[in-house]
């Protein structure tokens, strides 16, 4: 299996969001990461979906991803 560093970063963001200490600085860092490439919101949504499917656990912090949805990335 080929490693995908962007997906791994996305997975790490999902984990950080569920750890409960996702302050304003972390939110800003996450927003910058999401905007750094078109593949990042897609990877994040995939990682978040896997997290939810495996544990059905909502994030401890309600992180806004407005403007970074898969639909927007797909041109919908």
Protein backbone atom coordinates (compact mmCIF):
# COMPACT_ATOMS: atom_id res chain seq x y z
CA UNK A 1 0.00 0.00 0.00
CA UNK A 2 1.26 3.47 -0.91
CA UNK A 3 1.58 6.06 1.84
CA UNK A 4 -0.42 9.26 1.44
CA UNK A 5 1.05 12.04 3.59
CA UNK A 6 -1.92 14.38 3.04
CA UNK A 7 -4.39 11.74 4.20
CA UNK A 8 -2.19 11.00 7.22
CA UNK A 9 -2.13 14.71 8.09
CA UNK A 10 -5.93 14.80 7.71
CA UNK A 11 -6.25 11.80 10.01
CA UNK A 12 -4.05 13.56 12.58
CA UNK A 13 -6.33 16.63 12.40
CA UNK A 14 -9.37 14.44 13.06
CA UNK A 15 -7.65 12.92 16.08
CA UNK A 16 -6.62 16.35 17.42
CA UNK A 17 -10.20 17.59 17.11
CA UNK A 18 -11.48 14.67 19.16
CA UNK A 19 -8.90 15.01 21.91
CA UNK A 20 -10.83 17.95 23.35
CA UNK A 21 -8.11 20.62 23.41
CA UNK A 22 -8.71 22.30 20.06
CA UNK A 23 -8.25 25.97 20.90
CA UNK A 24 -8.37 29.06 18.70
CA UNK A 25 -4.74 28.63 17.65
CA UNK A 26 -5.37 25.04 16.59
CA UNK A 27 -8.48 26.13 14.67
CA UNK A 28 -6.43 28.74 12.80
CA UNK A 29 -3.72 26.19 12.04
CA UNK A 30 -6.36 23.74 10.80
CA UNK A 31 -7.97 26.39 8.58
CA UNK A 32 -4.58 27.23 7.05
CA UNK A 33 -3.88 23.55 6.46
CA UNK A 34 -7.28 23.07 4.78
CA UNK A 35 -6.67 26.02 2.45
CA UNK A 36 -3.15 24.94 1.48
CA UNK A 37 -4.33 22.53 -1.22
CA UNK A 38 -7.45 21.29 -2.97
CA UNK A 39 -6.72 17.71 -1.90
CA UNK A 40 -6.79 18.54 1.82
CA UNK A 41 -10.54 19.10 2.33
CA UNK A 42 -11.23 15.86 0.45
CA UNK A 43 -8.71 13.95 2.58
CA UNK A 44 -10.10 15.52 5.76
CA UNK A 45 -13.70 14.61 4.89
CA UNK A 46 -12.63 11.03 4.13
CA UNK A 47 -10.73 10.74 7.41
CA UNK A 48 -13.60 12.29 9.41
CA UNK A 49 -16.09 9.93 7.77
CA UNK A 50 -13.94 6.92 8.68
CA UNK A 51 -13.68 8.18 12.26
CA UNK A 52 -17.45 8.51 12.50
CA UNK A 53 -18.12 5.14 10.89
CA UNK A 54 -15.72 3.32 13.19
CA UNK A 55 -16.86 4.89 16.41
CA UNK A 56 -19.85 7.11 15.71
CA UNK A 57 -18.23 9.72 17.92
CA UNK A 58 -18.94 13.38 17.14
CA UNK A 59 -16.04 15.83 17.41
CA UNK A 60 -15.41 17.33 20.83
CA UNK A 61 -15.15 20.71 19.13
CA UNK A 62 -17.44 21.95 16.39
CA UNK A 63 -14.84 22.88 13.78
CA UNK A 64 -16.10 24.97 10.89
CA UNK A 65 -15.07 23.72 7.47
CA UNK A 66 -17.33 26.15 5.62
CA UNK A 67 -15.92 26.98 2.24
CA UNK A 68 -13.93 23.77 2.16
CA UNK A 69 -16.57 21.17 1.38
CA UNK A 70 -16.09 18.34 -1.06
CA UNK A 71 -18.94 19.70 -3.18
CA UNK A 72 -17.13 23.00 -3.59
CA UNK A 73 -13.91 21.19 -4.45
CA UNK A 74 -15.76 19.07 -7.04
CA UNK A 75 -17.22 22.19 -8.63
CA UNK A 76 -20.80 21.48 -7.54
